Amino acid sequence: MTFLDAVGILGEIPFMEPHEAEIIYNFILKEKVKSILELGFAHGTSTCYIAAAEIPTITTAPTMLQKRVVPDELLHHSPIP
């Protein structure tokens, strides 16, 4: 999925702005990252941007103080199979 496709889907979901996501997305492609461990998430927006870069393995883990909140709309459009 291209970065602009991901922005079209995720652009309005909080806590990661598209300009922040672009830095991560481009880093993943440039460095040919194969797996990522993401510690802490709110709505899963950053996870979806990471998945848009076609990472083979993404592991996410909530922090102990977090409550998992993933809107149905985000899951519906998520590039994660």
C-alpha atoms as a PDB file:
ATOM      1  CA  MET A   1       0.000   0.000   0.000  1.00  0.00           C
ATOM      2  CA  THR A   2       1.346   3.446  -0.790  1.00  0.00           C
ATOM      3  CA  PHE A   3       1.768   6.053   1.903  1.00  0.00           C
ATOM      4  CA  LEU A   4      -0.882   8.268   0.302  1.00  0.00           C
ATOM      5  CA  ASP A   5      -3.347   5.361   0.292  1.00  0.00           C
ATOM      6  CA  ALA A   6      -2.717   4.926   4.022  1.00  0.00           C
ATOM      7  CA  VAL A   7      -3.190   8.652   4.669  1.00  0.00           C
ATOM      8  CA  GLY A   8      -6.495   8.512   2.817  1.00  0.00           C
ATOM      9  CA  ILE A   9      -7.691   5.814   5.185  1.00  0.00           C
ATOM     10  CA  LEU A  10      -6.015   6.872   8.448  1.00  0.00           C
ATOM     11  CA  GLY A  11      -5.549  10.632   8.135  1.00  0.00           C
ATOM     12  CA  GLU A  12      -8.350  11.607  10.543  1.00  0.00           C
ATOM     13  CA  ILE A  13      -7.671   8.984  13.219  1.00  0.00           C
ATOM     14  CA  PRO A  14      -5.763  10.438  16.181  1.00  0.00           C
ATOM     15  CA  PHE A  15      -2.635  10.217  17.655  1.00  0.00           C
ATOM     16  CA  MET A  16      -0.275  10.038  14.706  1.00  0.00           C
ATOM     17  CA  GLU A  17      -0.177  12.884  12.224  1.00  0.00           C
ATOM     18  CA  PRO A  18       0.523  12.040   8.578  1.00  0.00           C
ATOM     19  CA  HIS A  19       3.844  13.955   8.615  1.00  0.00           C
ATOM     20  CA  GLU A  20       5.012  11.802  11.564  1.00  0.00           C
ATOM     21  CA  ALA A  21       3.818   8.623   9.884  1.00  0.00           C
ATOM     22  CA  GLU A  22       5.663   9.507   6.687  1.00  0.00           C
ATOM     23  CA  ILE A  23       8.973   9.572   8.571  1.00  0.00           C
ATOM     24  CA  ILE A  24       8.363   6.086   9.956  1.00  0.00           C
ATOM     25  CA  TYR A  25       7.012   4.729   6.665  1.00  0.00           C
ATOM     26  CA  ASN A  26      10.030   6.011   4.694  1.00  0.00           C
ATOM     27  CA  PHE A  27      12.479   4.733   7.321  1.00  0.00           C
ATOM     28  CA  ILE A  28      10.957   1.246   7.116  1.00  0.00           C
ATOM     29  CA  LEU A  29      11.283   1.190   3.333  1.00  0.00           C
ATOM     30  CA  LYS A  30      14.793   2.675   3.270  1.00  0.00           C
ATOM     31  CA  GLU A  31      16.180   0.318   5.924  1.00  0.00           C
ATOM     32  CA  LYS A  32      14.243  -2.717   4.617  1.00  0.00           C
ATOM     33  CA  VAL A  33      12.877  -3.456   8.075  1.00  0.00           C
ATOM     34  CA  LYS A  34      11.541  -7.021   8.366  1.00  0.00           C
ATOM     35  CA  SER A  35       9.974  -6.974  11.832  1.00  0.00           C
ATOM     36  CA  ILE A  36       8.810  -4.407  14.359  1.00  0.00           C
ATOM     37  CA  LEU A  37       7.915  -4.516  18.033  1.00  0.00           C
ATOM     38  CA  GLU A  38       5.575  -1.664  18.922  1.00  0.00           C
ATOM     39  CA  LEU A  39       5.172  -1.021  22.644  1.00  0.00           C
ATOM     40  CA  GLY A  40       2.033   0.893  23.493  1.00  0.00           C
ATOM     41  CA  PHE A  41      -0.740   1.969  21.163  1.00  0.00           C
ATOM     42  CA  ALA A  42      -3.924   3.986  21.347  1.00  0.00           C
ATOM     43  CA  HIS A  43      -6.077   3.439  18.262  1.00  0.00           C
ATOM     44  CA  GLY A  44      -3.607   1.367  16.244  1.00  0.00           C
ATOM     45  CA  THR A  45      -2.975   4.158  13.748  1.00  0.00           C
ATOM     46  CA  SER A  46       0.813   3.837  13.828  1.00  0.00           C
ATOM     47  CA  THR A  47       0.489   0.061  13.491  1.00  0.00           C
ATOM     48  CA  CYS A  48      -1.549   0.529  10.323  1.00  0.00           C
ATOM     49  CA  TYR A  49       0.997   2.961   8.855  1.00  0.00           C
ATOM     50  CA  ILE A  50       3.708   0.404   9.613  1.00  0.00           C
ATOM     51  CA  ALA A  51       1.629  -2.340   7.976  1.00  0.00           C
ATOM     52  CA  ALA A  52       1.148  -0.126   4.924  1.00  0.00           C
ATOM     53  CA  ALA A  53       4.912  -0.355   4.401  1.00  0.00           C
ATOM     54  CA  GLU A  54       4.366  -4.118   4.040  1.00  0.00           C
ATOM     55  CA  ILE A  55       6.304  -5.265   7.081  1.00  0.00           C
ATOM     56  CA  PRO A  56       6.208  -9.078   7.292  1.00  0.00           C
ATOM     57  CA  THR A  57       6.035  -9.175  11.106  1.00  0.00           C
ATOM     58  CA  ILE A  58       4.488  -6.601  13.443  1.00  0.00           C
ATOM     59  CA  THR A  59       4.090  -7.302  17.135  1.00  0.00           C
ATOM     60  CA  THR A  60       2.181  -4.799  19.244  1.00  0.00           C
ATOM     61  CA  ALA A  61       1.820  -4.830  22.995  1.00  0.00           C
ATOM     62  CA  PRO A  62      -0.227  -2.470  25.143  1.00  0.00           C
ATOM     63  CA  THR A  63       1.403  -0.925  28.157  1.00  0.00           C
ATOM     64  CA  MET A  64       0.033  -1.916  31.535  1.00  0.00           C
ATOM     65  CA  LEU A  65      -1.701   1.439  31.961  1.00  0.00           C
ATOM     66  CA  GLN A  66      -3.349   1.407  28.554  1.00  0.00           C
ATOM     67  CA  LYS A  67      -6.840   0.458  27.676  1.00  0.00           C
ATOM     68  CA  ARG A  68      -7.111  -1.107  24.252  1.00  0.00           C
ATOM     69  CA  VAL A  69      -9.363   0.944  22.008  1.00  0.00           C
ATOM     70  CA  VAL A  70      -9.549   0.015  18.334  1.00  0.00           C
ATOM     71  CA  PRO A  71     -12.483   1.546  16.466  1.00  0.00           C
ATOM     72  CA  ASP A  72     -14.381  -0.768  14.131  1.00  0.00           C
ATOM     73  CA  GLU A  73     -13.778   1.694  11.298  1.00  0.00           C
ATOM     74  CA  LEU A  74      -9.995   1.378  11.727  1.00  0.00           C
ATOM     75  CA  LEU A  75     -10.161  -2.405  11.701  1.00  0.00           C
ATOM     76  CA  HIS A  76     -12.364  -2.368   8.617  1.00  0.00           C
ATOM     77  CA  HIS A  77      -9.837  -0.320   6.624  1.00  0.00           C
ATOM     78  CA  SER A  78      -6.693  -1.743   8.165  1.00  0.00           C
ATOM     79  CA  PRO A  79      -4.085  -3.095   5.744  1.00  0.00           C
ATOM     80  CA  ILE A  80      -3.411  -5.835   8.287  1.00  0.00           C
ATOM     81  CA  PRO A  81      -4.935  -9.125   7.039  1.00  0.00           C
END
